C-alpha atoms as a PDB file:
ATOM      1  CA  MET A   1      20.623  36.059   5.160  1.00  0.00           C
ATOM      2  CA  GLU A   2      21.109  37.347   1.594  1.00  0.00           C
ATOM      3  CA  GLN A   3      18.039  36.991  -0.710  1.00  0.00           C
ATOM      4  CA  GLU A   4      19.825  34.773  -3.255  1.00  0.00           C
ATOM      5  CA  HIS A   5      20.419  32.169  -0.470  1.00  0.00           C
ATOM      6  CA  CYS A   6      17.087  32.354   1.296  1.00  0.00           C
ATOM      7  CA  LEU A   7      15.289  29.609  -0.615  1.00  0.00           C
ATOM      8  CA  GLU A   8      18.399  27.481  -1.404  1.00  0.00           C
ATOM      9  CA  SER A   9      17.120  24.400   0.406  1.00  0.00           C
ATOM     10  CA  GLU A  10      13.712  24.751  -1.263  1.00  0.00           C
ATOM     11  CA  VAL A  11      15.170  25.111  -4.742  1.00  0.00           C
ATOM     12  CA  ALA A  12      17.463  22.087  -4.096  1.00  0.00           C
ATOM     13  CA  CYS A  13      14.415  20.031  -2.928  1.00  0.00           C
ATOM     14  CA  TYR A  14      12.487  20.879  -6.130  1.00  0.00           C
ATOM     15  CA  GLN A  15      15.499  19.894  -8.283  1.00  0.00           C
ATOM     16  CA  ARG A  16      15.869  16.642  -6.411  1.00  0.00           C
ATOM     17  CA  GLU A  17      12.076  15.869  -6.742  1.00  0.00           C
ATOM     18  CA  LYS A  18      11.610  17.386 -10.145  1.00  0.00           C
ATOM     19  CA  ARG A  19      11.334  14.159 -12.237  1.00  0.00           C
ATOM     20  CA  ALA A  20       8.751  12.625  -9.868  1.00  0.00           C
ATOM     21  CA  LEU A  21       6.769  15.870  -9.527  1.00  0.00           C
ATOM     22  CA  GLU A  22       6.635  16.396 -13.344  1.00  0.00           C
ATOM     23  CA  GLY A  23       5.557  12.796 -13.903  1.00  0.00           C
ATOM     24  CA  ALA A  24       2.763  12.981 -11.415  1.00  0.00           C
ATOM     25  CA  ALA A  25       1.752  16.506 -10.940  1.00  0.00           C
ATOM     26  CA  ARG A  26       2.658  18.640 -13.983  1.00  0.00           C
ATOM     27  CA  GLY A  27       0.628  21.882 -13.996  1.00  0.00           C
ATOM     28  CA  LYS A  28      -0.025  21.668 -10.124  1.00  0.00           C
ATOM     29  CA  PHE A  29       1.516  24.058  -7.644  1.00  0.00           C
ATOM     30  CA  VAL A  30       4.015  22.588  -5.236  1.00  0.00           C
ATOM     31  CA  LEU A  31       4.624  23.997  -1.749  1.00  0.00           C
ATOM     32  CA  ILE A  32       8.169  23.399  -0.428  1.00  0.00           C
ATOM     33  CA  HIS A  33       9.627  24.325   2.930  1.00  0.00           C
ATOM     34  CA  GLY A  34      13.267  23.427   3.610  1.00  0.00           C
ATOM     35  CA  GLU A  35      13.936  19.947   2.290  1.00  0.00           C
ATOM     36  CA  ARG A  36      10.283  18.782   2.267  1.00  0.00           C
ATOM     37  CA  VAL A  37       7.460  18.881  -0.236  1.00  0.00           C
ATOM     38  CA  VAL A  38       4.611  20.037   1.900  1.00  0.00           C
ATOM     39  CA  GLY A  39       1.824  19.502  -0.702  1.00  0.00           C
ATOM     40  CA  LEU A  40       0.452  19.850  -4.166  1.00  0.00           C
ATOM     41  CA  PHE A  41      -2.404  22.257  -5.111  1.00  0.00           C
ATOM     42  CA  ASP A  42      -4.561  23.189  -8.017  1.00  0.00           C
ATOM     43  CA  THR A  43      -3.862  26.942  -7.794  1.00  0.00           C
ATOM     44  CA  ARG A  44      -0.996  29.212  -6.641  1.00  0.00           C
ATOM     45  CA  ARG A  45      -3.459  30.883  -4.238  1.00  0.00           C
ATOM     46  CA  GLN A  46      -4.319  27.556  -2.530  1.00  0.00           C
ATOM     47  CA  ALA A  47      -0.616  26.745  -2.095  1.00  0.00           C
ATOM     48  CA  ILE A  48       0.206  30.140  -0.669  1.00  0.00           C
ATOM     49  CA  ALA A  49      -2.684  29.987   1.730  1.00  0.00           C
ATOM     50  CA  ALA A  50      -1.678  26.421   2.861  1.00  0.00           C
ATOM     51  CA  GLY A  51       1.863  27.705   3.321  1.00  0.00           C
ATOM     52  CA  TYR A  52       0.795  30.378   5.682  1.00  0.00           C
ATOM     53  CA  ASP A  53      -1.761  28.229   7.387  1.00  0.00           C
ATOM     54  CA  GLN A  54       0.568  25.263   7.908  1.00  0.00           C
ATOM     55  CA  LEU A  55       3.970  26.881   8.208  1.00  0.00           C
ATOM     56  CA  GLY A  56       3.262  30.446   9.482  1.00  0.00           C
ATOM     57  CA  VAL A  57       5.286  33.395   8.468  1.00  0.00           C
ATOM     58  CA  VAL A  58       8.467  31.700   7.187  1.00  0.00           C
ATOM     59  CA  PRO A  59      10.161  31.503   3.852  1.00  0.00           C
ATOM     60  CA  PHE A  60       8.736  28.820   1.565  1.00  0.00           C
ATOM     61  CA  LEU A  61       8.589  28.111  -2.215  1.00  0.00           C
ATOM     62  CA  VAL A  62       5.502  27.855  -4.347  1.00  0.00           C
ATOM     63  CA  ARG A  63       6.202  26.893  -7.891  1.00  0.00           C
ATOM     64  CA  CYS A  64       4.110  25.527 -10.819  1.00  0.00           C
ATOM     65  CA  VAL A  65       5.443  21.994 -11.532  1.00  0.00           C
ATOM     66  CA  GLY A  66       7.069  21.863 -14.944  1.00  0.00           C
ATOM     67  CA  ASP A  67       7.238  25.611 -15.547  1.00  0.00           C
ATOM     68  CA  GLU A  68      10.368  27.593 -15.552  1.00  0.00           C
ATOM     69  CA  PRO A  69      10.837  29.484 -12.290  1.00  0.00           C
ATOM     70  CA  ARG A  70       9.485  33.137 -12.122  1.00  0.00           C
ATOM     71  CA  GLU A  71      10.521  36.043 -10.011  1.00  0.00           C
ATOM     72  CA  LEU A  72       6.907  36.009  -8.673  1.00  0.00           C
ATOM     73  CA  ASP A  73       7.611  32.762  -6.914  1.00  0.00           C
ATOM     74  CA  LEU A  74      10.016  34.700  -4.624  1.00  0.00           C
ATOM     75  CA  MET A  75       7.332  37.211  -3.654  1.00  0.00           C
ATOM     76  CA  HIS A  76       6.133  35.123  -0.721  1.00  0.00           C
ATOM     77  CA  LEU A  77       9.444  35.318   1.032  1.00  0.00           C
ATOM     78  CA  LEU A  78       9.167  37.218   4.233  1.00  0.00           C
ATOM     79  CA  ARG A  79      12.154  38.153   6.322  1.00  0.00           C
END
């Protein structure tokens, strides 16, 4: 799997849910796995920890709701 396609489902999920997330949780950190929003968290660290605790060592997306995506968001992608 090439890196640019690894989080394709997660990015599509964020785009699909973007309006609702920004209306209800701007500034929170969203954890997304596949086509599902797993949860919202106050800090990036909490979202990442929850991702590993709940999902294990799989690719997932953590992103600050309302901010432009950053390369750092891809840091937690494990192959």
